[in-house]
Amino acid sequence: MSSDELREFLDREPFEPFRVRLSSGDAYEVRNPDLAVVMRSRLLVADPESDRYTLIPYLHIAAVETVGNGASRSP
């Protein structure tokens, strides 16, 4: 998975929530594009319910799949 591919998921209009599956079997959902940051070698995914976040190296991303019921960019 590359940063460009992840940016495509985040920039879709309308936004489609997606799940990032890791080689470890863990999964993280991105339901709001404002809570994910594509960095040079990692993806940051923030938890909107707390002050926690996860840094995911692209090397460990096994798959990205869309999921339903997301938040849009508009208030």
Protein backbone atom coordinates (compact mmCIF):
# COMPACT_ATOMS: atom_id res chain seq x y z
CA MET A 1 0.00 0.00 0.00
CA SER A 2 1.34 3.43 -0.88
CA SER A 3 0.62 6.90 0.44
CA ASP A 4 -0.96 7.83 -2.90
CA GLU A 5 -3.39 4.91 -2.69
CA LEU A 6 -4.39 5.89 0.86
CA ARG A 7 -4.90 9.51 -0.21
CA GLU A 8 -7.29 8.27 -2.90
CA PHE A 9 -9.43 6.61 -0.22
CA LEU A 10 -9.40 9.77 1.92
CA ASP A 11 -10.16 12.15 -0.96
CA ARG A 12 -13.16 10.30 -2.40
CA GLU A 13 -16.28 12.40 -2.87
CA PRO A 14 -18.49 11.44 -1.25
CA PHE A 15 -16.21 9.95 1.39
CA GLU A 16 -16.56 6.18 1.88
CA PRO A 17 -15.48 4.85 5.28
CA PHE A 18 -12.80 2.19 5.05
CA ARG A 19 -11.02 -0.39 7.16
CA VAL A 20 -7.25 -0.85 7.18
CA ARG A 21 -6.24 -4.48 7.80
CA LEU A 22 -2.72 -5.16 9.02
CA SER A 23 -0.45 -8.14 8.52
CA SER A 24 -0.90 -8.88 12.26
CA GLY A 25 -4.65 -9.33 11.75
CA ASP A 26 -5.54 -6.07 13.53
CA ALA A 27 -7.92 -3.67 11.79
CA TYR A 28 -8.63 0.05 12.13
CA GLU A 29 -11.66 1.86 10.73
CA VAL A 30 -11.51 5.34 9.27
CA ARG A 31 -15.05 6.74 9.41
CA ASN A 32 -14.10 10.40 9.05
CA PRO A 33 -11.35 11.58 6.66
CA ASP A 34 -10.33 14.30 9.12
CA LEU A 35 -9.20 11.63 11.60
CA ALA A 36 -6.54 10.09 9.34
CA VAL A 37 -3.25 11.61 8.21
CA VAL A 38 -1.15 10.21 5.39
CA MET A 39 2.49 10.72 6.29
CA ARG A 40 5.69 9.83 4.42
CA SER A 41 5.92 6.23 5.64
CA ARG A 42 2.96 5.82 7.99
CA LEU A 43 -0.75 6.37 8.36
CA LEU A 44 -1.97 8.06 11.53
CA VAL A 45 -5.50 7.07 12.60
CA ALA A 46 -7.03 9.03 15.51
CA ASP A 47 -9.73 7.73 17.86
CA PRO A 48 -12.48 10.40 18.06
CA GLU A 49 -13.64 9.14 21.46
CA SER A 50 -10.31 9.66 23.22
CA ASP A 51 -6.87 11.23 22.88
CA ARG A 52 -5.48 7.99 21.43
CA TYR A 53 -4.06 7.46 17.97
CA THR A 54 -2.33 4.70 16.04
CA LEU A 55 0.65 5.02 13.70
CA ILE A 56 0.55 2.33 11.02
CA PRO A 57 3.62 1.73 8.83
CA TYR A 58 2.58 1.18 5.20
CA LEU A 59 4.71 -1.96 5.17
CA HIS A 60 2.23 -3.62 7.58
CA ILE A 61 -0.96 -2.73 5.67
CA ALA A 62 -2.25 -5.96 4.15
CA ALA A 63 -5.56 -4.64 2.76
CA VAL A 64 -7.94 -1.69 2.67
CA GLU A 65 -11.67 -2.33 2.34
CA THR A 66 -14.67 -0.03 2.30
CA VAL A 67 -17.32 -0.17 5.03
CA GLY A 68 -20.74 1.47 5.34
CA ASN A 69 -22.27 4.36 7.33
CA GLY A 70 -19.62 7.05 7.31
CA ALA A 71 -19.44 10.68 8.24
CA SER A 72 -19.26 13.22 5.47
CA ARG A 73 -16.88 16.17 5.30
CA SER A 74 -19.75 18.63 5.52
CA PRO A 75 -21.00 19.73 8.96
